[in-house]
PDB file of all heavy atoms in Angstrom:
ATOM      1  N   ASN A   1     141.718 180.081  46.148  1.00  0.00           N
ATOM      2  CA  ASN A   1     142.477 181.299  46.430  1.00  0.00           C
ATOM      3  C   ASN A   1     143.976 181.080  46.232  1.00  0.00           C
ATOM      4  O   ASN A   1     144.691 181.988  45.784  1.00  0.00           O
ATOM      5  CB  ASN A   1     142.202 181.782  47.851  1.00  0.00           C
ATOM      6  CG  ASN A   1     140.829 182.415  47.999  1.00  0.00           C
ATOM      7  OD1 ASN A   1     140.242 182.872  47.025  1.00  0.00           O
ATOM      8  ND2 ASN A   1     140.317 182.451  49.219  1.00  0.00           N
ATOM      9  N   ALA A   2     144.457 179.872  46.553  1.00  0.00           N
ATOM     10  CA  ALA A   2     145.871 179.560  46.311  1.00  0.00           C
ATOM     11  C   ALA A   2     146.166 179.537  44.816  1.00  0.00           C
ATOM     12  O   ALA A   2     147.234 179.992  44.376  1.00  0.00           O
ATOM     13  CB  ALA A   2     146.232 178.219  46.951  1.00  0.00           C
ATOM     14  N   LEU A   3     145.224 179.034  44.012  1.00  0.00           N
ATOM     15  CA  LEU A   3     145.399 179.065  42.557  1.00  0.00           C
ATOM     16  C   LEU A   3     145.412 180.505  42.040  1.00  0.00           C
ATOM     17  O   LEU A   3     146.210 180.854  41.166  1.00  0.00           O
ATOM     18  CB  LEU A   3     144.276 178.284  41.877  1.00  0.00           C
ATOM     19  CG  LEU A   3     144.223 176.778  42.130  1.00  0.00           C
ATOM     20  CD1 LEU A   3     142.977 176.182  41.487  1.00  0.00           C
ATOM     21  CD2 LEU A   3     145.475 176.088  41.602  1.00  0.00           C
ATOM     22  N   ILE A   4     144.531 181.350  42.576  1.00  0.00           N
ATOM     23  CA  ILE A   4     144.497 182.765  42.182  1.00  0.00           C
ATOM     24  C   ILE A   4     145.820 183.430  42.510  1.00  0.00           C
ATOM     25  O   ILE A   4     146.383 184.182  41.688  1.00  0.00           O
ATOM     26  CB  ILE A   4     143.327 183.475  42.894  1.00  0.00           C
ATOM     27  CG1 ILE A   4     141.993 182.951  42.359  1.00  0.00           C
ATOM     28  CG2 ILE A   4     143.413 184.983  42.708  1.00  0.00           C
ATOM     29  CD1 ILE A   4     140.784 183.413  43.155  1.00  0.00           C
ATOM     30  N   ALA A   5     146.356 183.144  43.702  1.00  0.00           N
ATOM     31  CA  ALA A   5     147.643 183.732  44.104  1.00  0.00           C
ATOM     32  C   ALA A   5     148.770 183.238  43.209  1.00  0.00           C
ATOM     33  O   ALA A   5     149.685 183.999  42.864  1.00  0.00           O
ATOM     34  CB  ALA A   5     147.930 183.392  45.568  1.00  0.00           C
ATOM     35  N   ALA A   6     148.715 181.960  42.826  1.00  0.00           N
ATOM     36  CA  ALA A   6     149.748 181.434  41.926  1.00  0.00           C
ATOM     37  C   ALA A   6     149.706 182.143  40.585  1.00  0.00           C
ATOM     38  O   ALA A   6     150.752 182.505  40.025  1.00  0.00           O
ATOM     39  CB  ALA A   6     149.542 179.929  41.753  1.00  0.00           C
ATOM     40  N   LYS A   7     148.512 182.342  40.051  1.00  0.00           N
ATOM     41  CA  LYS A   7     148.391 183.062  38.780  1.00  0.00           C
ATOM     42  C   LYS A   7     148.927 184.484  38.912  1.00  0.00           C
ATOM     43  O   LYS A   7     149.616 184.996  38.011  1.00  0.00           O
ATOM     44  CB  LYS A   7     146.921 183.080  38.353  1.00  0.00           C
ATOM     45  CG  LYS A   7     146.650 183.813  37.038  1.00  0.00           C
ATOM     46  CD  LYS A   7     147.179 183.049  35.852  1.00  0.00           C
ATOM     47  CE  LYS A   7     146.934 183.767  34.535  1.00  0.00           C
ATOM     48  NZ  LYS A   7     145.502 183.924  34.222  1.00  0.00           N
ATOM     49  N   ASN A   8     148.668 185.114  40.040  1.00  0.00           N
ATOM     50  CA  ASN A   8     149.149 186.486  40.258  1.00  0.00           C
ATOM     51  C   ASN A   8     150.674 186.573  40.320  1.00  0.00           C
ATOM     52  O   ASN A   8     151.244 187.617  39.996  1.00  0.00           O
ATOM     53  CB  ASN A   8     148.548 187.065  41.541  1.00  0.00           C
ATOM     54  CG  ASN A   8     147.091 187.466  41.382  1.00  0.00           C
ATOM     55  OD1 ASN A   8     146.643 187.763  40.268  1.00  0.00           O
ATOM     56  ND2 ASN A   8     146.344 187.469  42.473  1.00  0.00           N
ATOM     57  N   ARG A   9     151.333 185.503  40.728  1.00  0.00           N
ATOM     58  CA  ARG A   9     152.803 185.539  40.785  1.00  0.00           C
ATOM     59  C   ARG A   9     153.441 184.984  39.517  1.00  0.00           C
ATOM     60  O   ARG A   9     154.654 184.740  39.468  1.00  0.00           O
ATOM     61  CB  ARG A   9     153.317 184.808  42.024  1.00  0.00           C
ATOM     62  CG  ARG A   9     153.112 183.323  42.053  1.00  0.00           C
ATOM     63  CD  ARG A   9     153.822 182.693  43.269  1.00  0.00           C
ATOM     64  NE  ARG A   9     153.718 181.254  43.258  1.00  0.00           N
ATOM     65  CZ  ARG A   9     152.754 180.548  43.815  1.00  0.00           C
ATOM     66  NH1 ARG A   9     151.794 181.183  44.470  1.00  0.00           N
ATOM     67  NH2 ARG A   9     152.756 179.229  43.740  1.00  0.00           N
ATOM     68  N   GLY A  10     152.627 184.770  38.464  1.00  0.00           N
ATOM     69  CA  GLY A  10     153.166 184.410  37.158  1.00  0.00           C
ATOM     70  C   GLY A  10     153.102 182.950  36.804  1.00  0.00           C
ATOM     71  O   GLY A  10     153.626 182.547  35.750  1.00  0.00           O
ATOM     72  N   VAL A  11     152.467 182.114  37.635  1.00  0.00           N
ATOM     73  CA  VAL A  11     152.318 180.694  37.326  1.00  0.00           C
ATOM     74  C   VAL A  11     151.132 180.513  36.365  1.00  0.00           C
ATOM     75  O   VAL A  11     150.079 181.112  36.569  1.00  0.00           O
ATOM     76  CB  VAL A  11     152.084 179.879  38.615  1.00  0.00           C
ATOM     77  CG1 VAL A  11     151.842 178.409  38.291  1.00  0.00           C
ATOM     78  CG2 VAL A  11     153.282 180.032  39.558  1.00  0.00           C
ATOM     79  N   ARG A  12     151.307 179.718  35.338  1.00  0.00           N
ATOM     80  CA  ARG A  12     150.193 179.416  34.439  1.00  0.00           C
ATOM     81  C   ARG A  12     149.230 178.459  35.142  1.00  0.00           C
ATOM     82  O   ARG A  12     149.625 177.378  35.591  1.00  0.00           O
ATOM     83  CB  ARG A  12     150.693 178.780  33.147  1.00  0.00           C
ATOM     84  CG  ARG A  12     149.571 178.569  32.109  1.00  0.00           C
ATOM     85  CD  ARG A  12     150.054 177.835  30.888  1.00  0.00           C
ATOM     86  NE  ARG A  12     150.433 176.450  31.197  1.00  0.00           N
ATOM     87  CZ  ARG A  12     150.900 175.587  30.303  1.00  0.00           C
ATOM     88  NH1 ARG A  12     151.086 175.968  29.060  1.00  0.00           N
ATOM     89  NH2 ARG A  12     151.218 174.354  30.660  1.00  0.00           N
ATOM     90  N   VAL A  13     147.958 178.838  35.205  1.00  0.00           N
ATOM     91  CA  VAL A  13     146.944 178.024  35.869  1.00  0.00           C
ATOM     92  C   VAL A  13     145.862 177.666  34.855  1.00  0.00           C
ATOM     93  O   VAL A  13     145.292 178.556  34.211  1.00  0.00           O
ATOM     94  CB  VAL A  13     146.322 178.769  37.069  1.00  0.00           C
ATOM     95  CG1 VAL A  13     145.200 177.927  37.690  1.00  0.00           C
ATOM     96  CG2 VAL A  13     147.389 179.090  38.118  1.00  0.00           C
ATOM     97  N   ARG A  14     145.600 176.369  34.703  1.00  0.00           N
ATOM     98  CA  ARG A  14     144.527 175.888  33.834  1.00  0.00           C
ATOM     99  C   ARG A  14     143.676 174.913  34.642  1.00  0.00           C
ATOM    100  O   ARG A  14     144.191 174.160  35.470  1.00  0.00           O
ATOM    101  CB  ARG A  14     145.108 175.205  32.585  1.00  0.00           C
ATOM    102  CG  ARG A  14     146.040 176.105  31.790  1.00  0.00           C
ATOM    103  CD  ARG A  14     146.544 175.451  30.508  1.00  0.00           C
ATOM    104  NE  ARG A  14     147.400 174.291  30.757  1.00  0.00           N
ATOM    105  CZ  ARG A  14     148.035 173.613  29.795  1.00  0.00           C
ATOM    106  NH1 ARG A  14     147.891 173.979  28.526  1.00  0.00           N
ATOM    107  NH2 ARG A  14     148.790 172.573  30.096  1.00  0.00           N
ATOM    108  N   TYR A  15     142.379 174.901  34.375  1.00  0.00           N
ATOM    109  CA  TYR A  15     141.454 174.152  35.244  1.00  0.00           C
ATOM    110  C   TYR A  15     140.346 173.544  34.388  1.00  0.00           C
ATOM    111  O   TYR A  15     139.731 174.230  33.578  1.00  0.00           O
ATOM    112  CB  TYR A  15     140.852 175.108  36.274  1.00  0.00           C
ATOM    113  CG  TYR A  15     140.211 174.473  37.487  1.00  0.00           C
ATOM    114  CD1 TYR A  15     140.766 174.625  38.745  1.00  0.00           C
ATOM    115  CD2 TYR A  15     139.030 173.751  37.381  1.00  0.00           C
ATOM    116  CE1 TYR A  15     140.173 174.074  39.876  1.00  0.00           C
ATOM    117  CE2 TYR A  15     138.432 173.187  38.496  1.00  0.00           C
ATOM    118  CZ  TYR A  15     139.004 173.354  39.740  1.00  0.00           C
ATOM    119  OH  TYR A  15     138.409 172.802  40.864  1.00  0.00           O
ATOM    120  N   ILE A  16     140.104 172.243  34.590  1.00  0.00           N
ATOM    121  CA  ILE A  16     139.015 171.545  33.912  1.00  0.00           C
ATOM    122  C   ILE A  16     138.099 170.928  34.960  1.00  0.00           C
ATOM    123  O   ILE A  16     138.566 170.289  35.912  1.00  0.00           O
ATOM    124  CB  ILE A  16     139.537 170.435  32.980  1.00  0.00           C
ATOM    125  CG1 ILE A  16     140.430 171.010  31.880  1.00  0.00           C
ATOM    126  CG2 ILE A  16     138.374 169.678  32.346  1.00  0.00           C
ATOM    127  CD1 ILE A  16     141.087 169.958  30.997  1.00  0.00           C
ATOM    128  N   THR A  17     136.807 171.106  34.769  1.00  0.00           N
ATOM    129  CA  THR A  17     135.823 170.472  35.635  1.00  0.00           C
ATOM    130  C   THR A  17     134.681 169.953  34.773  1.00  0.00           C
ATOM    131  O   THR A  17     134.727 170.024  33.545  1.00  0.00           O
ATOM    132  CB  THR A  17     135.322 171.468  36.702  1.00  0.00           C
ATOM    133  OG1 THR A  17     134.481 170.776  37.624  1.00  0.00           O
ATOM    134  CG2 THR A  17     134.564 172.622  36.072  1.00  0.00           C
ATOM    135  N   GLY A  18     133.658 169.396  35.409  1.00  0.00           N
ATOM    136  CA  GLY A  18     132.500 168.909  34.680  1.00  0.00           C
ATOM    137  C   GLY A  18     131.335 169.858  34.816  1.00  0.00           C
ATOM    138  O   GLY A  18     131.383 170.830  35.566  1.00  0.00           O
ATOM    139  N   ASP A  19     130.274 169.557  34.095  1.00  0.00           N
ATOM    140  CA  ASP A  19     129.123 170.452  34.150  1.00  0.00           C
ATOM    141  C   ASP A  19     128.120 170.030  35.213  1.00  0.00           C
ATOM    142  O   ASP A  19     127.153 170.744  35.466  1.00  0.00           O
ATOM    143  CB  ASP A  19     128.428 170.529  32.786  1.00  0.00           C
ATOM    144  CG  ASP A  19     127.807 169.199  32.383  1.00  0.00           C
ATOM    145  OD1 ASP A  19     128.313 168.156  32.843  1.00  0.00           O
ATOM    146  OD2 ASP A  19     126.835 169.212  31.608  1.00  0.00           O
ATOM    147  N   GLU A  20     128.333 168.863  35.840  1.00  0.00           N
ATOM    148  CA  GLU A  20     127.391 168.392  36.847  1.00  0.00           C
ATOM    149  C   GLU A  20     127.949 168.479  38.256  1.00  0.00           C
ATOM    150  O   GLU A  20     127.268 168.146  39.221  1.00  0.00           O
ATOM    151  CB  GLU A  20     126.995 166.946  36.550  1.00  0.00           C
ATOM    152  CG  GLU A  20     126.270 166.779  35.221  1.00  0.00           C
ATOM    153  CD  GLU A  20     125.807 165.347  35.017  1.00  0.00           C
ATOM    154  OE1 GLU A  20     125.796 164.588  36.001  1.00  0.00           O
ATOM    155  OE2 GLU A  20     125.446 165.002  33.883  1.00  0.00           O
ATOM    156  N   GLY A  21     129.195 168.873  38.409  1.00  0.00           N
ATOM    157  CA  GLY A  21     129.816 168.906  39.722  1.00  0.00           C
ATOM    158  C   GLY A  21     129.366 170.084  40.569  1.00  0.00           C
ATOM    159  O   GLY A  21     128.754 171.033  40.095  1.00  0.00           O
ATOM    160  N   ALA A  22     129.695 170.001  41.857  1.00  0.00           N
ATOM    161  CA  ALA A  22     129.419 171.090  42.800  1.00  0.00           C
ATOM    162  C   ALA A  22     130.682 171.929  42.920  1.00  0.00           C
ATOM    163  O   ALA A  22     131.633 171.534  43.581  1.00  0.00           O
ATOM    164  CB  ALA A  22     129.015 170.514  44.156  1.00  0.00           C
ATOM    165  N   ASN A  23     130.697 173.076  42.259  1.00  0.00           N
ATOM    166  CA  ASN A  23     131.925 173.870  42.134  1.00  0.00           C
ATOM    167  C   ASN A  23     131.721 175.305  42.592  1.00  0.00           C
ATOM    168  O   ASN A  23     132.093 176.257  41.911  1.00  0.00           O
ATOM    169  CB  ASN A  23     132.408 173.843  40.683  1.00  0.00           C
ATOM    170  CG  ASN A  23     133.002 172.503  40.306  1.00  0.00           C
ATOM    171  OD1 ASN A  23     134.068 172.136  40.767  1.00  0.00           O
ATOM    172  ND2 ASN A  23     132.292 171.754  39.477  1.00  0.00           N
ATOM    173  N   SER A  24     131.166 175.455  43.781  1.00  0.00           N
ATOM    174  CA  SER A  24     130.867 176.797  44.279  1.00  0.00           C
ATOM    175  C   SER A  24     132.124 177.636  44.463  1.00  0.00           C
ATOM    176  O   SER A  24     132.072 178.863  44.352  1.00  0.00           O
ATOM    177  CB  SER A  24     130.103 176.711  45.605  1.00  0.00           C
ATOM    178  OG  SER A  24     130.865 176.021  46.591  1.00  0.00           O
ATOM    179  N   ALA A  25     133.278 176.987  44.715  1.00  0.00           N
ATOM    180  CA  ALA A  25     134.510 177.755  44.941  1.00  0.00           C
ATOM    181  C   ALA A  25     134.972 178.476  43.682  1.00  0.00           C
ATOM    182  O   ALA A  25     135.750 179.437  43.770  1.00  0.00           O
ATOM    183  CB  ALA A  25     135.618 176.840  45.463  1.00  0.00           C
ATOM    184  N   LEU A  26     134.500 178.028  42.509  1.00  0.00           N
ATOM    185  CA  LEU A  26     134.879 178.703  41.267  1.00  0.00           C
ATOM    186  C   LEU A  26     134.038 179.948  41.012  1.00  0.00           C
ATOM    187  O   LEU A  26     134.357 180.733  40.117  1.00  0.00           O
ATOM    188  CB  LEU A  26     134.758 177.738  40.090  1.00  0.00           C
ATOM    189  CG  LEU A  26     135.704 176.521  40.126  1.00  0.00           C
ATOM    190  CD1 LEU A  26     135.401 175.576  38.972  1.00  0.00           C
ATOM    191  CD2 LEU A  26     137.156 176.963  40.090  1.00  0.00           C
ATOM    192  N   ASN A  27     132.980 180.117  41.789  1.00  0.00           N
ATOM    193  CA  ASN A  27     132.167 181.339  41.684  1.00  0.00           C
ATOM    194  C   ASN A  27     132.809 182.427  42.544  1.00  0.00           C
ATOM    195  O   ASN A  27     132.309 182.804  43.596  1.00  0.00           O
ATOM    196  CB  ASN A  27     130.733 181.063  42.144  1.00  0.00           C
ATOM    197  CG  ASN A  27     130.053 180.021  41.282  1.00  0.00           C
ATOM    198  OD1 ASN A  27     130.290 179.952  40.086  1.00  0.00           O
ATOM    199  ND2 ASN A  27     129.210 179.210  41.897  1.00  0.00           N
ATOM    200  N   ASN A  28     133.933 182.900  42.072  1.00  0.00           N
ATOM    201  CA  ASN A  28     134.773 183.825  42.841  1.00  0.00           C
ATOM    202  C   ASN A  28     135.031 185.059  41.980  1.00  0.00           C
ATOM    203  O   ASN A  28     135.545 184.954  40.860  1.00  0.00           O
ATOM    204  CB  ASN A  28     136.092 183.129  43.209  1.00  0.00           C
ATOM    205  CG  ASN A  28     136.955 183.929  44.145  1.00  0.00           C
ATOM    206  OD1 ASN A  28     137.064 185.146  44.030  1.00  0.00           O
ATOM    207  ND2 ASN A  28     137.603 183.243  45.079  1.00  0.00           N
ATOM    208  N   SER A  29     134.692 186.227  42.506  1.00  0.00           N
ATOM    209  CA  SER A  29     134.842 187.461  41.729  1.00  0.00           C
ATOM    210  C   SER A  29     136.301 187.779  41.421  1.00  0.00           C
ATOM    211  O   SER A  29     136.587 188.555  40.504  1.00  0.00           O
ATOM    212  CB  SER A  29     134.204 188.636  42.483  1.00  0.00           C
ATOM    213  OG  SER A  29     134.826 188.801  43.754  1.00  0.00           O
ATOM    214  N   ASP A  30     137.228 187.184  42.201  1.00  0.00           N
ATOM    215  CA  ASP A  30     138.657 187.414  41.970  1.00  0.00           C
ATOM    216  C   ASP A  30     139.284 186.383  41.044  1.00  0.00           C
ATOM    217  O   ASP A  30     140.497 186.426  40.813  1.00  0.00           O
ATOM    218  CB  ASP A  30     139.408 187.405  43.309  1.00  0.00           C
ATOM    219  CG  ASP A  30     139.010 188.561  44.215  1.00  0.00           C
ATOM    220  OD1 ASP A  30     138.735 189.655  43.679  1.00  0.00           O
ATOM    221  OD2 ASP A  30     138.960 188.361  45.440  1.00  0.00           O
ATOM    222  N   LEU A  31     138.482 185.463  40.517  1.00  0.00           N
ATOM    223  CA  LEU A  31     139.022 184.398  39.679  1.00  0.00           C
ATOM    224  C   LEU A  31     139.737 185.001  38.472  1.00  0.00           C
ATOM    225  O   LEU A  31     139.158 185.773  37.709  1.00  0.00           O
ATOM    226  CB  LEU A  31     137.892 183.478  39.220  1.00  0.00           C
ATOM    227  CG  LEU A  31     138.295 182.052  38.835  1.00  0.00           C
ATOM    228  CD1 LEU A  31     138.730 181.271  40.074  1.00  0.00           C
ATOM    229  CD2 LEU A  31     137.125 181.328  38.172  1.00  0.00           C
ATOM    230  N   ASN A  32     141.007 184.626  38.293  1.00  0.00           N
ATOM    231  CA  ASN A  32     141.829 185.207  37.229  1.00  0.00           C
ATOM    232  C   ASN A  32     142.335 184.152  36.250  1.00  0.00           C
ATOM    233  O   ASN A  32     143.242 184.410  35.464  1.00  0.00           O
ATOM    234  CB  ASN A  32     143.005 185.975  37.830  1.00  0.00           C
ATOM    235  CG  ASN A  32     143.840 185.120  38.778  1.00  0.00           C
ATOM    236  OD1 ASN A  32     143.583 183.924  38.934  1.00  0.00           O
ATOM    237  ND2 ASN A  32     144.834 185.729  39.409  1.00  0.00           N
ATOM    238  N   PHE A  33     141.785 182.945  36.317  1.00  0.00           N
ATOM    239  CA  PHE A  33     142.172 181.895  35.374  1.00  0.00           C
ATOM    240  C   PHE A  33     140.910 181.306  34.737  1.00  0.00           C
ATOM    241  O   PHE A  33     139.814 181.359  35.301  1.00  0.00           O
ATOM    242  CB  PHE A  33     142.986 180.793  36.061  1.00  0.00           C
ATOM    243  CG  PHE A  33     142.285 180.129  37.220  1.00  0.00           C
ATOM    244  CD1 PHE A  33     141.431 179.047  37.024  1.00  0.00           C
ATOM    245  CD2 PHE A  33     142.490 180.573  38.520  1.00  0.00           C
ATOM    246  CE1 PHE A  33     140.795 178.431  38.082  1.00  0.00           C
ATOM    247  CE2 PHE A  33     141.857 179.962  39.594  1.00  0.00           C
ATOM    248  CZ  PHE A  33     141.005 178.884  39.377  1.00  0.00           C
ATOM    249  N   THR A  34     141.092 180.744  33.552  1.00  0.00           N
ATOM    250  CA  THR A  34     139.974 180.153  32.816  1.00  0.00           C
ATOM    251  C   THR A  34     139.746 178.725  33.275  1.00  0.00           C
ATOM    252  O   THR A  34     140.693 177.963  33.464  1.00  0.00           O
ATOM    253  CB  THR A  34     140.277 180.156  31.311  1.00  0.00           C
ATOM    254  OG1 THR A  34     140.446 181.504  30.874  1.00  0.00           O
ATOM    255  CG2 THR A  34     139.152 179.506  30.516  1.00  0.00           C
TER     256      THR A  34
END
């Protein structure tokens, strides 16, 4: 949510993860970064 807020205030947000990790926090309907 802090990353989402940063993107909303004009900060560039980029995110890399793996395909085997547990990343439930990225399943967010408000997610505004790739």
